[in-house]
Amino acid sequence: MQPVVLLAGFEDYACAEIHEEDGPNVVALITSILIGTVLLVVPYRYFSLRRPANTPLSWGEAMVSATWAFFLMFWWYGVVPHQWLTLADNEWNWRPDRFWHGPFDLLTKLPFTLHYQHARDFVAGGIYVVALGLNGALFVMWQKRGKKAPSSEVQRSDYGRPLIRA
């Protein structure tokens, strides 16, 4: 089937021809990670620099913040692991009937067998662990914003000498 040229540089292909190409199959996973990162970093950075510490929230600000936090937890604990599991199951065929032999068949010498599904679940668990670690770290960073580290500078006399009593 010959492509029909509608505009210079643009060609109209049949839908079946587009889907027959072997391209990267990780688009959904990478897109979900990028969306989750952008929706996490941009608002967090903006409001952590803009909002002074210990400022009371209005009802509307609290609702928007809670909705944002809920969406991020939904995204990082639901969408990203789902996209990983879908990719591993459907595109890469990491099923229980495929055994994982490892490099140079090292894993075949073990007294147990490892399936590709075990590796898939291990990566999914790693996604949860990383998300939980980032979640806790961001909560701590938000609570400590605006606080300055205690200065180690000692008082000085009018003559510039440190005032330290032994």
C-alpha atoms as a PDB file:
ATOM      1  CA  MET A   1       0.000   0.000   0.000  1.00  0.00           C
ATOM      2  CA  GLN A   2       1.441   3.334  -1.013  1.00  0.00           C
ATOM      3  CA  PRO A   3       1.251   6.163   1.544  1.00  0.00           C
ATOM      4  CA  VAL A   4      -0.902   9.105   0.585  1.00  0.00           C
ATOM      5  CA  VAL A   5       0.889  12.435   0.927  1.00  0.00           C
ATOM      6  CA  LEU A   6      -1.460  14.998   2.449  1.00  0.00           C
ATOM      7  CA  LEU A   7       1.066  17.717   3.173  1.00  0.00           C
ATOM      8  CA  ALA A   8       4.723  17.976   2.310  1.00  0.00           C
ATOM      9  CA  GLY A   9       6.609  15.844   4.816  1.00  0.00           C
ATOM     10  CA  PHE A  10       3.481  14.200   6.292  1.00  0.00           C
ATOM     11  CA  GLU A  11       2.296  10.806   5.111  1.00  0.00           C
ATOM     12  CA  ASP A  12      -0.912   8.961   5.898  1.00  0.00           C
ATOM     13  CA  TYR A  13      -0.287   5.325   6.792  1.00  0.00           C
ATOM     14  CA  ALA A  14      -2.825   2.666   7.516  1.00  0.00           C
ATOM     15  CA  CYS A  15      -3.175   1.886  11.214  1.00  0.00           C
ATOM     16  CA  ALA A  16      -2.081  -1.727  10.764  1.00  0.00           C
ATOM     17  CA  GLU A  17       1.203  -0.649   9.208  1.00  0.00           C
ATOM     18  CA  ILE A  18       2.100   1.529  12.168  1.00  0.00           C
ATOM     19  CA  HIS A  19       1.477  -1.209  14.722  1.00  0.00           C
ATOM     20  CA  GLU A  20       3.567  -3.772  12.870  1.00  0.00           C
ATOM     21  CA  GLU A  21       6.798  -1.893  13.493  1.00  0.00           C
ATOM     22  CA  ASP A  22       9.040  -3.187  16.272  1.00  0.00           C
ATOM     23  CA  GLY A  23       9.681  -0.174  18.428  1.00  0.00           C
ATOM     24  CA  PRO A  24      10.413   0.431  22.068  1.00  0.00           C
ATOM     25  CA  ASN A  25       7.755  -1.103  24.277  1.00  0.00           C
ATOM     26  CA  VAL A  26       8.604   0.823  27.422  1.00  0.00           C
ATOM     27  CA  VAL A  27       6.809   4.040  26.474  1.00  0.00           C
ATOM     28  CA  ALA A  28       4.025   3.693  29.054  1.00  0.00           C
ATOM     29  CA  LEU A  29       6.442   2.916  31.899  1.00  0.00           C
ATOM     30  CA  ILE A  30       8.828   5.752  31.066  1.00  0.00           C
ATOM     31  CA  THR A  31       5.940   8.179  30.562  1.00  0.00           C
ATOM     32  CA  SER A  32       4.392   7.243  33.905  1.00  0.00           C
ATOM     33  CA  ILE A  33       7.739   7.745  35.662  1.00  0.00           C
ATOM     34  CA  LEU A  34       8.270  11.109  33.945  1.00  0.00           C
ATOM     35  CA  ILE A  35       4.752  12.312  34.770  1.00  0.00           C
ATOM     36  CA  GLY A  36       5.134  11.204  38.380  1.00  0.00           C
ATOM     37  CA  THR A  37       8.512  12.925  38.682  1.00  0.00           C
ATOM     38  CA  VAL A  38       7.369  16.184  37.119  1.00  0.00           C
ATOM     39  CA  LEU A  39       4.158  16.283  39.173  1.00  0.00           C
ATOM     40  CA  LEU A  40       6.200  15.608  42.282  1.00  0.00           C
ATOM     41  CA  VAL A  41       9.208  17.875  41.789  1.00  0.00           C
ATOM     42  CA  VAL A  42       7.689  21.008  40.252  1.00  0.00           C
ATOM     43  CA  PRO A  43       4.941  21.737  42.825  1.00  0.00           C
ATOM     44  CA  TYR A  44       7.079  20.570  45.746  1.00  0.00           C
ATOM     45  CA  ARG A  45       9.987  22.802  44.744  1.00  0.00           C
ATOM     46  CA  TYR A  46       7.727  25.760  43.989  1.00  0.00           C
ATOM     47  CA  PHE A  47       5.834  25.661  47.284  1.00  0.00           C
ATOM     48  CA  SER A  48       8.808  24.754  49.462  1.00  0.00           C
ATOM     49  CA  LEU A  49      10.588  27.908  48.294  1.00  0.00           C
ATOM     50  CA  ARG A  50       7.499  30.118  48.273  1.00  0.00           C
ATOM     51  CA  ARG A  51       5.658  29.128  51.440  1.00  0.00           C
ATOM     52  CA  PRO A  52       7.194  30.177  54.761  1.00  0.00           C
ATOM     53  CA  ALA A  53       7.432  27.566  57.489  1.00  0.00           C
ATOM     54  CA  ASN A  54       4.789  27.483  60.249  1.00  0.00           C
ATOM     55  CA  THR A  55       2.258  29.416  58.166  1.00  0.00           C
ATOM     56  CA  PRO A  56      -1.290  28.185  58.830  1.00  0.00           C
ATOM     57  CA  LEU A  57      -3.154  26.611  55.924  1.00  0.00           C
ATOM     58  CA  SER A  58      -6.555  27.714  54.779  1.00  0.00           C
ATOM     59  CA  TRP A  59      -9.202  25.079  54.164  1.00  0.00           C
ATOM     60  CA  GLY A  60      -8.768  25.326  50.384  1.00  0.00           C
ATOM     61  CA  GLU A  61      -4.979  25.068  50.550  1.00  0.00           C
ATOM     62  CA  ALA A  62      -5.276  22.013  52.768  1.00  0.00           C
ATOM     63  CA  MET A  63      -7.678  20.343  50.331  1.00  0.00           C
ATOM     64  CA  VAL A  64      -5.448  21.061  47.328  1.00  0.00           C
ATOM     65  CA  SER A  65      -2.401  19.781  49.214  1.00  0.00           C
ATOM     66  CA  ALA A  66      -4.217  16.635  50.329  1.00  0.00           C
ATOM     67  CA  THR A  67      -5.446  15.982  46.787  1.00  0.00           C
ATOM     68  CA  TRP A  68      -1.920  16.428  45.433  1.00  0.00           C
ATOM     69  CA  ALA A  69      -0.475  14.060  48.080  1.00  0.00           C
ATOM     70  CA  PHE A  70      -3.202  11.487  47.369  1.00  0.00           C
ATOM     71  CA  PHE A  71      -2.578  11.707  43.628  1.00  0.00           C
ATOM     72  CA  LEU A  72       1.163  11.202  44.086  1.00  0.00           C
ATOM     73  CA  MET A  73       0.639   8.170  46.300  1.00  0.00           C
ATOM     74  CA  PHE A  74      -1.877   6.778  43.809  1.00  0.00           C
ATOM     75  CA  TRP A  75       0.609   7.401  40.987  1.00  0.00           C
ATOM     76  CA  TRP A  76       3.752   6.012  42.616  1.00  0.00           C
ATOM     77  CA  TYR A  77       2.108   3.089  44.462  1.00  0.00           C
ATOM     78  CA  GLY A  78      -0.440   2.223  41.768  1.00  0.00           C
ATOM     79  CA  VAL A  79       0.245   3.429  38.243  1.00  0.00           C
ATOM     80  CA  VAL A  80       4.038   3.038  38.024  1.00  0.00           C
ATOM     81  CA  PRO A  81       4.118  -0.535  39.458  1.00  0.00           C
ATOM     82  CA  HIS A  82       1.153  -1.449  37.250  1.00  0.00           C
ATOM     83  CA  GLN A  83       2.969  -0.202  34.152  1.00  0.00           C
ATOM     84  CA  TRP A  84       6.066  -2.190  35.159  1.00  0.00           C
ATOM     85  CA  LEU A  85       4.061  -5.382  35.739  1.00  0.00           C
ATOM     86  CA  THR A  86       2.188  -4.925  32.455  1.00  0.00           C
ATOM     87  CA  LEU A  87       5.432  -4.401  30.556  1.00  0.00           C
ATOM     88  CA  ALA A  88       7.143  -7.395  32.143  1.00  0.00           C
ATOM     89  CA  ASP A  89       4.137  -9.696  31.663  1.00  0.00           C
ATOM     90  CA  ASN A  90       2.859  -8.713  28.234  1.00  0.00           C
ATOM     91  CA  GLU A  91       5.860  -7.393  26.322  1.00  0.00           C
ATOM     92  CA  TRP A  92       8.818  -9.241  27.821  1.00  0.00           C
ATOM     93  CA  ASN A  93       6.939 -12.469  28.760  1.00  0.00           C
ATOM     94  CA  TRP A  94       8.343 -12.733  32.293  1.00  0.00           C
ATOM     95  CA  ARG A  95       6.073 -15.636  33.196  1.00  0.00           C
ATOM     96  CA  PRO A  96       6.450 -18.504  35.685  1.00  0.00           C
ATOM     97  CA  ASP A  97       7.134 -20.958  32.850  1.00  0.00           C
ATOM     98  CA  ARG A  98      10.340 -19.107  31.902  1.00  0.00           C
ATOM     99  CA  PHE A  99      13.256 -19.888  34.156  1.00  0.00           C
ATOM    100  CA  TRP A 100      15.937 -17.398  35.017  1.00  0.00           C
ATOM    101  CA  HIS A 101      19.339 -18.991  34.524  1.00  0.00           C
ATOM    102  CA  GLY A 102      21.457 -15.894  35.086  1.00  0.00           C
ATOM    103  CA  PRO A 103      24.782 -15.080  33.466  1.00  0.00           C
ATOM    104  CA  PHE A 104      26.811 -18.165  32.538  1.00  0.00           C
ATOM    105  CA  ASP A 105      23.992 -20.356  33.949  1.00  0.00           C
ATOM    106  CA  LEU A 106      25.070 -19.565  37.511  1.00  0.00           C
ATOM    107  CA  LEU A 107      21.557 -19.743  38.904  1.00  0.00           C
ATOM    108  CA  THR A 108      21.024 -23.299  37.658  1.00  0.00           C
ATOM    109  CA  LYS A 109      23.517 -24.510  40.269  1.00  0.00           C
ATOM    110  CA  LEU A 110      21.322 -23.292  43.132  1.00  0.00           C
ATOM    111  CA  PRO A 111      19.069 -25.793  44.951  1.00  0.00           C
ATOM    112  CA  PHE A 112      15.982 -23.816  43.919  1.00  0.00           C
ATOM    113  CA  THR A 113      14.640 -22.407  40.688  1.00  0.00           C
ATOM    114  CA  LEU A 114      14.047 -18.783  39.876  1.00  0.00           C
ATOM    115  CA  HIS A 115      11.388 -17.738  37.419  1.00  0.00           C
ATOM    116  CA  TYR A 116      11.311 -14.477  35.510  1.00  0.00           C
ATOM    117  CA  GLN A 117       8.166 -13.730  37.491  1.00  0.00           C
ATOM    118  CA  HIS A 118      10.287 -13.663  40.664  1.00  0.00           C
ATOM    119  CA  ALA A 119      12.547 -11.029  39.107  1.00  0.00           C
ATOM    120  CA  ARG A 120       9.489  -9.073  37.958  1.00  0.00           C
ATOM    121  CA  ASP A 121       8.030  -9.066  41.464  1.00  0.00           C
ATOM    122  CA  PHE A 122      11.395  -8.149  42.972  1.00  0.00           C
ATOM    123  CA  VAL A 123      11.586  -5.070  40.725  1.00  0.00           C
ATOM    124  CA  ALA A 124       7.981  -4.170  41.615  1.00  0.00           C
ATOM    125  CA  GLY A 125       8.872  -4.440  45.296  1.00  0.00           C
ATOM    126  CA  GLY A 126      11.889  -2.220  44.644  1.00  0.00           C
ATOM    127  CA  ILE A 127       9.589   0.389  43.117  1.00  0.00           C
ATOM    128  CA  TYR A 128       7.505   0.333  46.302  1.00  0.00           C
ATOM    129  CA  VAL A 129      10.590   0.609  48.532  1.00  0.00           C
ATOM    130  CA  VAL A 130      11.987   3.547  46.549  1.00  0.00           C
ATOM    131  CA  ALA A 131       8.590   5.291  46.574  1.00  0.00           C
ATOM    132  CA  LEU A 132       8.240   4.763  50.331  1.00  0.00           C
ATOM    133  CA  GLY A 133      11.760   6.076  50.944  1.00  0.00           C
ATOM    134  CA  LEU A 134      11.133   9.163  48.810  1.00  0.00           C
ATOM    135  CA  ASN A 135       7.796   9.663  50.513  1.00  0.00           C
ATOM    136  CA  GLY A 136       9.374   9.682  53.965  1.00  0.00           C
ATOM    137  CA  ALA A 137      12.321  11.827  52.857  1.00  0.00           C
ATOM    138  CA  LEU A 138      10.024  14.438  51.331  1.00  0.00           C
ATOM    139  CA  PHE A 139       7.876  14.551  54.467  1.00  0.00           C
ATOM    140  CA  VAL A 140      10.975  15.140  56.604  1.00  0.00           C
ATOM    141  CA  MET A 141      12.336  17.770  54.198  1.00  0.00           C
ATOM    142  CA  TRP A 142       8.990  19.595  54.234  1.00  0.00           C
ATOM    143  CA  GLN A 143       8.841  19.608  58.032  1.00  0.00           C
ATOM    144  CA  LYS A 144      12.420  20.903  58.299  1.00  0.00           C
ATOM    145  CA  ARG A 145      12.078  23.651  55.717  1.00  0.00           C
ATOM    146  CA  GLY A 146      12.900  27.116  56.976  1.00  0.00           C
ATOM    147  CA  LYS A 147      14.952  25.805  59.884  1.00  0.00           C
ATOM    148  CA  LYS A 148      18.573  26.776  59.842  1.00  0.00           C
ATOM    149  CA  ALA A 149      21.335  24.584  61.164  1.00  0.00           C
ATOM    150  CA  PRO A 150      22.660  25.741  64.532  1.00  0.00           C
ATOM    151  CA  SER A 151      25.631  27.958  64.001  1.00  0.00           C
ATOM    152  CA  SER A 152      28.909  26.888  65.500  1.00  0.00           C
ATOM    153  CA  GLU A 153      30.046  30.466  65.723  1.00  0.00           C
ATOM    154  CA  VAL A 154      31.025  31.522  69.238  1.00  0.00           C
ATOM    155  CA  GLN A 155      30.535  34.924  70.738  1.00  0.00           C
ATOM    156  CA  ARG A 156      33.432  37.293  70.318  1.00  0.00           C
ATOM    157  CA  SER A 157      34.631  40.108  72.506  1.00  0.00           C
ATOM    158  CA  ASP A 158      34.939  43.677  71.341  1.00  0.00           C
ATOM    159  CA  TYR A 159      38.538  42.845  70.504  1.00  0.00           C
ATOM    160  CA  GLY A 160      37.661  39.857  68.285  1.00  0.00           C
ATOM    161  CA  ARG A 161      38.695  37.113  70.712  1.00  0.00           C
ATOM    162  CA  PRO A 162      36.309  34.187  71.353  1.00  0.00           C
ATOM    163  CA  LEU A 163      34.416  34.286  74.642  1.00  0.00           C
ATOM    164  CA  ILE A 164      34.763  30.687  75.811  1.00  0.00           C
ATOM    165  CA  ARG A 165      34.920  29.631  79.431  1.00  0.00           C
ATOM    166  CA  ALA A 166      36.812  26.505  80.284  1.00  0.00           C
END
